[in-house]
Amino acid sequence: MSVQFIEKNGVPEYVVLPFEEYEKLLDAAEDKADTADVIAFREAREETFPEEVLEALLAGGNPIKVYRSYREMTQNKLAQSIEKSLTYIAKLESGERTGSVEVLSNIAEVLDIDLEQLV
């Protein structure tokens, strides 16, 4: 790398380098930032959902039903897991009932999602 230093009062103040070298340094910095982003994403271990889940939610699907189906869980299994009746779960999914924060928190825990994904 051919670099020229410009000093002020005997101390390096500026560096002049060929444009091609400058571009290589920029690329290397971007690669390092991209690598850091990938590592941070993997370490966060946040679950991502397939497009079908997003489409079902955007189409107005009940979040409990969408995530329950994605987890391949029956209404009966969900009901047993939160100690509620099958009818109660069916009414939540159909919109006939709204669950309390406690019930929705329990459902979110069983479905391994954040409560915010249900409300």
N, C-alpha and C. Protein backbone atom coordinates (compact mmCIF):
# COMPACT_ATOMS: atom_id res chain seq x y z
N MET A 1 0.86 -1.17 0.00
CA MET A 1 0.00 0.00 0.00
C MET A 1 0.91 1.23 0.00
N SER A 2 0.67 2.11 -0.96
CA SER A 2 1.49 3.33 -0.99
C SER A 2 0.69 4.46 -0.33
N VAL A 3 1.25 4.95 0.75
CA VAL A 3 0.57 5.95 1.57
C VAL A 3 1.51 7.13 1.76
N GLN A 4 0.92 8.33 1.72
CA GLN A 4 1.69 9.53 1.99
C GLN A 4 1.13 10.16 3.26
N PHE A 5 1.99 10.48 4.18
CA PHE A 5 1.58 11.12 5.43
C PHE A 5 1.84 12.62 5.33
N ILE A 6 0.91 13.40 5.83
CA ILE A 6 1.09 14.85 5.91
C ILE A 6 1.10 15.19 7.38
N GLU A 7 2.19 15.83 7.78
CA GLU A 7 2.37 16.13 9.20
C GLU A 7 2.09 17.59 9.49
N LYS A 8 1.72 17.82 10.74
CA LYS A 8 1.56 19.18 11.24
C LYS A 8 2.29 19.23 12.57
N ASN A 9 3.25 20.10 12.66
CA ASN A 9 4.08 20.21 13.87
C ASN A 9 4.74 18.88 14.21
N GLY A 10 5.16 18.16 13.18
CA GLY A 10 5.88 16.90 13.38
C GLY A 10 5.01 15.71 13.73
N VAL A 11 3.66 15.90 13.70
CA VAL A 11 2.74 14.81 14.06
C VAL A 11 1.88 14.50 12.83
N PRO A 12 1.74 13.20 12.48
CA PRO A 12 0.89 12.87 11.33
C PRO A 12 -0.54 13.40 11.52
N GLU A 13 -1.03 14.14 10.52
CA GLU A 13 -2.36 14.74 10.60
C GLU A 13 -3.29 14.19 9.51
N TYR A 14 -2.74 13.91 8.33
CA TYR A 14 -3.53 13.41 7.21
C TYR A 14 -2.79 12.26 6.55
N VAL A 15 -3.56 11.45 5.84
CA VAL A 15 -2.99 10.36 5.06
C VAL A 15 -3.56 10.48 3.64
N VAL A 16 -2.70 10.38 2.68
CA VAL A 16 -3.11 10.39 1.28
C VAL A 16 -2.79 9.01 0.73
N LEU A 17 -3.80 8.40 0.09
CA LEU A 17 -3.58 7.08 -0.48
C LEU A 17 -4.30 6.99 -1.81
N PRO A 18 -3.89 6.08 -2.66
CA PRO A 18 -4.55 5.93 -3.95
C PRO A 18 -6.03 5.56 -3.76
N PHE A 19 -6.85 6.04 -4.68
CA PHE A 19 -8.30 5.83 -4.58
C PHE A 19 -8.64 4.35 -4.52
N GLU A 20 -7.95 3.55 -5.28
CA GLU A 20 -8.18 2.10 -5.27
C GLU A 20 -7.96 1.51 -3.88
N GLU A 21 -6.94 1.96 -3.19
CA GLU A 21 -6.67 1.50 -1.82
C GLU A 21 -7.77 1.97 -0.87
N TYR A 22 -8.22 3.20 -1.07
CA TYR A 22 -9.31 3.75 -0.28
C TYR A 22 -10.56 2.88 -0.43
N GLU A 23 -10.90 2.51 -1.68
CA GLU A 23 -12.06 1.66 -1.92
C GLU A 23 -11.92 0.30 -1.24
N LYS A 24 -10.73 -0.26 -1.27
CA LYS A 24 -10.49 -1.55 -0.60
C LYS A 24 -10.72 -1.43 0.90
N LEU A 25 -10.25 -0.33 1.48
CA LEU A 25 -10.47 -0.11 2.92
C LEU A 25 -11.95 0.02 3.24
N LEU A 26 -12.70 0.74 2.39
CA LEU A 26 -14.14 0.87 2.60
C LEU A 26 -14.83 -0.49 2.52
N ASP A 27 -14.47 -1.28 1.51
CA ASP A 27 -15.06 -2.62 1.36
C ASP A 27 -14.77 -3.48 2.58
N ALA A 28 -13.54 -3.42 3.06
CA ALA A 28 -13.17 -4.21 4.23
C ALA A 28 -13.96 -3.77 5.46
N ALA A 29 -14.16 -2.48 5.62
CA ALA A 29 -14.94 -1.97 6.76
C ALA A 29 -16.39 -2.41 6.65
N GLU A 30 -16.96 -2.36 5.44
CA GLU A 30 -18.35 -2.81 5.25
C GLU A 30 -18.48 -4.30 5.52
N ASP A 31 -17.51 -5.10 5.06
CA ASP A 31 -17.53 -6.53 5.31
C ASP A 31 -17.49 -6.82 6.81
N LYS A 32 -16.66 -6.07 7.52
CA LYS A 32 -16.55 -6.27 8.97
C LYS A 32 -17.87 -5.91 9.65
N ALA A 33 -18.51 -4.83 9.22
CA ALA A 33 -19.80 -4.44 9.80
C ALA A 33 -20.88 -5.48 9.48
N ASP A 34 -20.88 -5.98 8.24
CA ASP A 34 -21.85 -7.01 7.87
C ASP A 34 -21.66 -8.28 8.69
N THR A 35 -20.42 -8.67 8.88
CA THR A 35 -20.12 -9.85 9.68
C THR A 35 -20.59 -9.66 11.12
N ALA A 36 -20.37 -8.49 11.66
CA ALA A 36 -20.82 -8.19 13.03
C ALA A 36 -22.35 -8.27 13.12
N ASP A 37 -23.05 -7.78 12.10
CA ASP A 37 -24.51 -7.85 12.09
C ASP A 37 -25.00 -9.29 12.06
N VAL A 38 -24.38 -10.12 11.26
CA VAL A 38 -24.77 -11.53 11.18
C VAL A 38 -24.52 -12.23 12.51
N ILE A 39 -23.39 -11.97 13.10
CA ILE A 39 -23.07 -12.59 14.40
C ILE A 39 -24.08 -12.15 15.46
N ALA A 40 -24.40 -10.86 15.49
CA ALA A 40 -25.37 -10.35 16.47
C ALA A 40 -26.73 -10.97 16.25
N PHE A 41 -27.15 -11.13 15.00
CA PHE A 41 -28.44 -11.75 14.70
C PHE A 41 -28.46 -13.20 15.19
N ARG A 42 -27.40 -13.93 14.91
CA ARG A 42 -27.35 -15.33 15.34
C ARG A 42 -27.34 -15.45 16.85
N GLU A 43 -26.64 -14.55 17.52
CA GLU A 43 -26.57 -14.60 18.97
C GLU A 43 -27.89 -14.24 19.62
N ALA A 44 -28.66 -13.37 18.96
CA ALA A 44 -29.96 -12.98 19.51
C ALA A 44 -30.92 -14.16 19.49
N ARG A 45 -30.71 -15.06 18.56
CA ARG A 45 -31.53 -16.28 18.45
C ARG A 45 -33.01 -15.97 18.41
N GLU A 46 -33.35 -14.89 17.77
CA GLU A 46 -34.75 -14.55 17.61
C GLU A 46 -35.35 -15.44 16.54
N GLU A 47 -36.49 -15.96 16.84
CA GLU A 47 -37.15 -16.84 15.89
C GLU A 47 -37.76 -16.03 14.76
N THR A 48 -37.63 -16.54 13.59
CA THR A 48 -38.31 -15.94 12.45
C THR A 48 -39.42 -16.90 12.01
N PHE A 49 -40.45 -16.35 11.40
CA PHE A 49 -41.59 -17.15 10.99
C PHE A 49 -41.67 -17.15 9.48
N PRO A 50 -42.19 -18.25 8.91
CA PRO A 50 -42.30 -18.31 7.45
C PRO A 50 -43.33 -17.32 6.91
N GLU A 51 -43.23 -17.08 5.64
CA GLU A 51 -44.10 -16.12 4.96
C GLU A 51 -45.57 -16.47 5.15
N GLU A 52 -45.90 -17.75 5.20
CA GLU A 52 -47.30 -18.16 5.35
C GLU A 52 -47.90 -17.64 6.66
N VAL A 53 -47.11 -17.60 7.71
CA VAL A 53 -47.59 -17.08 8.99
C VAL A 53 -47.90 -15.59 8.86
N LEU A 54 -46.98 -14.85 8.27
CA LEU A 54 -47.19 -13.42 8.08
C LEU A 54 -48.41 -13.17 7.20
N GLU A 55 -48.55 -13.93 6.12
CA GLU A 55 -49.70 -13.75 5.23
C GLU A 55 -51.01 -14.02 5.95
N ALA A 56 -51.03 -15.07 6.78
CA ALA A 56 -52.25 -15.39 7.52
C ALA A 56 -52.61 -14.28 8.50
N LEU A 57 -51.61 -13.72 9.16
CA LEU A 57 -51.86 -12.62 10.10
C LEU A 57 -52.34 -11.37 9.37
N LEU A 58 -51.69 -11.05 8.24
CA LEU A 58 -52.07 -9.87 7.47
C LEU A 58 -53.46 -10.02 6.86
N ALA A 59 -53.87 -11.26 6.60
CA ALA A 59 -55.20 -11.50 6.04
C ALA A 59 -56.28 -11.44 7.12
N GLY A 60 -55.87 -11.17 8.37
CA GLY A 60 -56.84 -11.03 9.45
C GLY A 60 -57.03 -12.28 10.27
N GLY A 61 -56.16 -13.25 10.08
CA GLY A 61 -56.26 -14.48 10.87
C GLY A 61 -56.04 -14.20 12.34
N ASN A 62 -56.75 -14.93 13.17
CA ASN A 62 -56.60 -14.78 14.62
C ASN A 62 -55.19 -15.23 15.01
N PRO A 63 -54.43 -14.37 15.69
CA PRO A 63 -53.04 -14.71 16.03
C PRO A 63 -52.91 -16.01 16.83
N ILE A 64 -53.85 -16.25 17.75
CA ILE A 64 -53.76 -17.49 18.53
C ILE A 64 -53.84 -18.68 17.60
N LYS A 65 -54.82 -18.65 16.70
CA LYS A 65 -55.01 -19.76 15.77
C LYS A 65 -53.83 -19.89 14.82
N VAL A 66 -53.33 -18.77 14.30
CA VAL A 66 -52.22 -18.80 13.34
C VAL A 66 -50.98 -19.42 13.99
N TYR A 67 -50.61 -18.93 15.17
CA TYR A 67 -49.41 -19.46 15.82
C TYR A 67 -49.62 -20.87 16.34
N ARG A 68 -50.81 -21.17 16.81
CA ARG A 68 -51.11 -22.54 17.27
C ARG A 68 -50.98 -23.52 16.11
N SER A 69 -51.53 -23.14 14.97
CA SER A 69 -51.43 -24.00 13.79
C SER A 69 -49.98 -24.16 13.34
N TYR A 70 -49.25 -23.06 13.38
CA TYR A 70 -47.83 -23.12 13.00
C TYR A 70 -47.07 -24.07 13.91
N ARG A 71 -47.41 -24.07 15.19
CA ARG A 71 -46.75 -24.96 16.15
C ARG A 71 -47.30 -26.39 16.08
N GLU A 72 -48.25 -26.60 15.16
CA GLU A 72 -48.88 -27.91 14.98
C GLU A 72 -49.49 -28.40 16.29
N MET A 73 -50.20 -27.51 16.95
CA MET A 73 -50.85 -27.81 18.22
C MET A 73 -52.35 -27.76 18.02
N THR A 74 -53.06 -28.71 18.60
CA THR A 74 -54.51 -28.69 18.52
C THR A 74 -55.09 -27.72 19.54
N GLN A 75 -56.33 -27.33 19.31
CA GLN A 75 -57.02 -26.48 20.29
C GLN A 75 -57.08 -27.20 21.63
N ASN A 76 -57.32 -28.49 21.58
CA ASN A 76 -57.43 -29.26 22.82
C ASN A 76 -56.12 -29.26 23.60
N LYS A 77 -55.01 -29.43 22.91
CA LYS A 77 -53.71 -29.43 23.57
C LYS A 77 -53.41 -28.06 24.18
N LEU A 78 -53.74 -26.99 23.44
CA LEU A 78 -53.54 -25.65 23.97
C LEU A 78 -54.41 -25.44 25.20
N ALA A 79 -55.66 -25.86 25.12
CA ALA A 79 -56.59 -25.71 26.25
C ALA A 79 -56.05 -26.43 27.48
N GLN A 80 -55.58 -27.64 27.29
CA GLN A 80 -55.03 -28.40 28.42
C GLN A 80 -53.79 -27.72 28.99
N SER A 81 -52.97 -27.18 28.11
CA SER A 81 -51.72 -26.54 28.55
C SER A 81 -51.95 -25.33 29.42
N ILE A 82 -53.07 -24.61 29.19
CA ILE A 82 -53.33 -23.41 29.99
C ILE A 82 -54.50 -23.63 30.96
N GLU A 83 -54.93 -24.88 31.06
CA GLU A 83 -56.00 -25.27 31.99
C GLU A 83 -57.30 -24.51 31.74
N LYS A 84 -57.67 -24.46 30.47
CA LYS A 84 -58.94 -23.87 30.06
C LYS A 84 -59.67 -24.90 29.20
N SER A 85 -60.94 -24.63 28.90
CA SER A 85 -61.72 -25.58 28.11
C SER A 85 -61.45 -25.40 26.62
N LEU A 86 -61.74 -26.45 25.87
CA LEU A 86 -61.63 -26.40 24.42
C LEU A 86 -62.56 -25.33 23.86
N THR A 87 -63.76 -25.23 24.44
CA THR A 87 -64.73 -24.22 24.01
C THR A 87 -64.17 -22.81 24.20
N TYR A 88 -63.49 -22.59 25.30
CA TYR A 88 -62.90 -21.29 25.59
C TYR A 88 -61.88 -20.91 24.50
N ILE A 89 -61.02 -21.86 24.15
CA ILE A 89 -60.01 -21.61 23.12
C ILE A 89 -60.69 -21.34 21.78
N ALA A 90 -61.71 -22.11 21.46
CA ALA A 90 -62.44 -21.92 20.20
C ALA A 90 -63.06 -20.52 20.15
N LYS A 91 -63.61 -20.06 21.27
CA LYS A 91 -64.21 -18.72 21.31
C LYS A 91 -63.15 -17.63 21.20
N LEU A 92 -61.99 -17.84 21.78
CA LEU A 92 -60.90 -16.87 21.63
C LEU A 92 -60.49 -16.77 20.16
N GLU A 93 -60.35 -17.93 19.53
CA GLU A 93 -59.91 -17.94 18.13
C GLU A 93 -60.96 -17.39 17.17
N SER A 94 -62.23 -17.53 17.53
CA SER A 94 -63.29 -17.02 16.64
C SER A 94 -63.58 -15.54 16.90
N GLY A 95 -63.03 -15.01 17.99
CA GLY A 95 -63.27 -13.62 18.33
C GLY A 95 -64.51 -13.40 19.19
N GLU A 96 -65.16 -14.47 19.58
CA GLU A 96 -66.34 -14.35 20.45
C GLU A 96 -65.95 -13.89 21.86
N ARG A 97 -64.73 -14.20 22.25
CA ARG A 97 -64.23 -13.80 23.57
C ARG A 97 -62.87 -13.14 23.40
N THR A 98 -62.56 -12.29 24.37
CA THR A 98 -61.20 -11.75 24.45
C THR A 98 -60.60 -12.26 25.74
N GLY A 99 -59.41 -12.68 25.68
CA GLY A 99 -58.77 -13.23 26.88
C GLY A 99 -58.18 -12.15 27.75
N SER A 100 -58.07 -12.48 29.01
CA SER A 100 -57.40 -11.56 29.95
C SER A 100 -55.91 -11.56 29.65
N VAL A 101 -55.22 -10.59 30.19
CA VAL A 101 -53.77 -10.51 30.01
C VAL A 101 -53.12 -11.79 30.54
N GLU A 102 -53.62 -12.29 31.65
CA GLU A 102 -53.06 -13.51 32.24
C GLU A 102 -53.23 -14.70 31.29
N VAL A 103 -54.42 -14.85 30.73
CA VAL A 103 -54.67 -15.97 29.81
C VAL A 103 -53.82 -15.82 28.55
N LEU A 104 -53.79 -14.61 27.99
CA LEU A 104 -52.99 -14.40 26.78
C LEU A 104 -51.50 -14.60 27.05
N SER A 105 -51.05 -14.22 28.23
CA SER A 105 -49.65 -14.45 28.61
C SER A 105 -49.36 -15.95 28.67
N ASN A 106 -50.29 -16.70 29.23
CA ASN A 106 -50.12 -18.15 29.31
C ASN A 106 -50.10 -18.77 27.92
N ILE A 107 -50.98 -18.31 27.05
CA ILE A 107 -51.01 -18.82 25.67
C ILE A 107 -49.71 -18.48 24.97
N ALA A 108 -49.25 -17.25 25.12
CA ALA A 108 -47.99 -16.83 24.50
C ALA A 108 -46.83 -17.71 24.98
N GLU A 109 -46.82 -18.00 26.25
CA GLU A 109 -45.75 -18.84 26.80
C GLU A 109 -45.80 -20.24 26.20
N VAL A 110 -46.99 -20.82 26.12
CA VAL A 110 -47.14 -22.17 25.55
C VAL A 110 -46.73 -22.18 24.07
N LEU A 111 -47.11 -21.13 23.35
CA LEU A 111 -46.79 -21.06 21.92
C LEU A 111 -45.37 -20.55 21.65
N ASP A 112 -44.67 -20.20 22.72
CA ASP A 112 -43.30 -19.72 22.64
C ASP A 112 -43.18 -18.48 21.75
N ILE A 113 -44.05 -17.50 22.03
CA ILE A 113 -44.02 -16.22 21.33
C ILE A 113 -44.15 -15.11 22.37
N ASP A 114 -43.93 -13.88 21.95
CA ASP A 114 -44.10 -12.73 22.83
C ASP A 114 -45.58 -12.40 22.94
N LEU A 115 -45.99 -11.94 24.09
CA LEU A 115 -47.39 -11.54 24.30
C LEU A 115 -47.82 -10.53 23.25
N GLU A 116 -46.93 -9.62 22.87
CA GLU A 116 -47.26 -8.58 21.89
C GLU A 116 -47.71 -9.17 20.55
N GLN A 117 -47.30 -10.40 20.26
CA GLN A 117 -47.70 -11.02 19.01
C GLN A 117 -49.16 -11.47 19.03
N LEU A 118 -49.77 -11.48 20.19
CA LEU A 118 -51.17 -11.89 20.30
C LEU A 118 -52.13 -10.72 20.40
N VAL A 119 -51.61 -9.53 20.68
CA VAL A 119 -52.50 -8.38 20.85
C VAL A 119 -52.25 -7.33 19.80
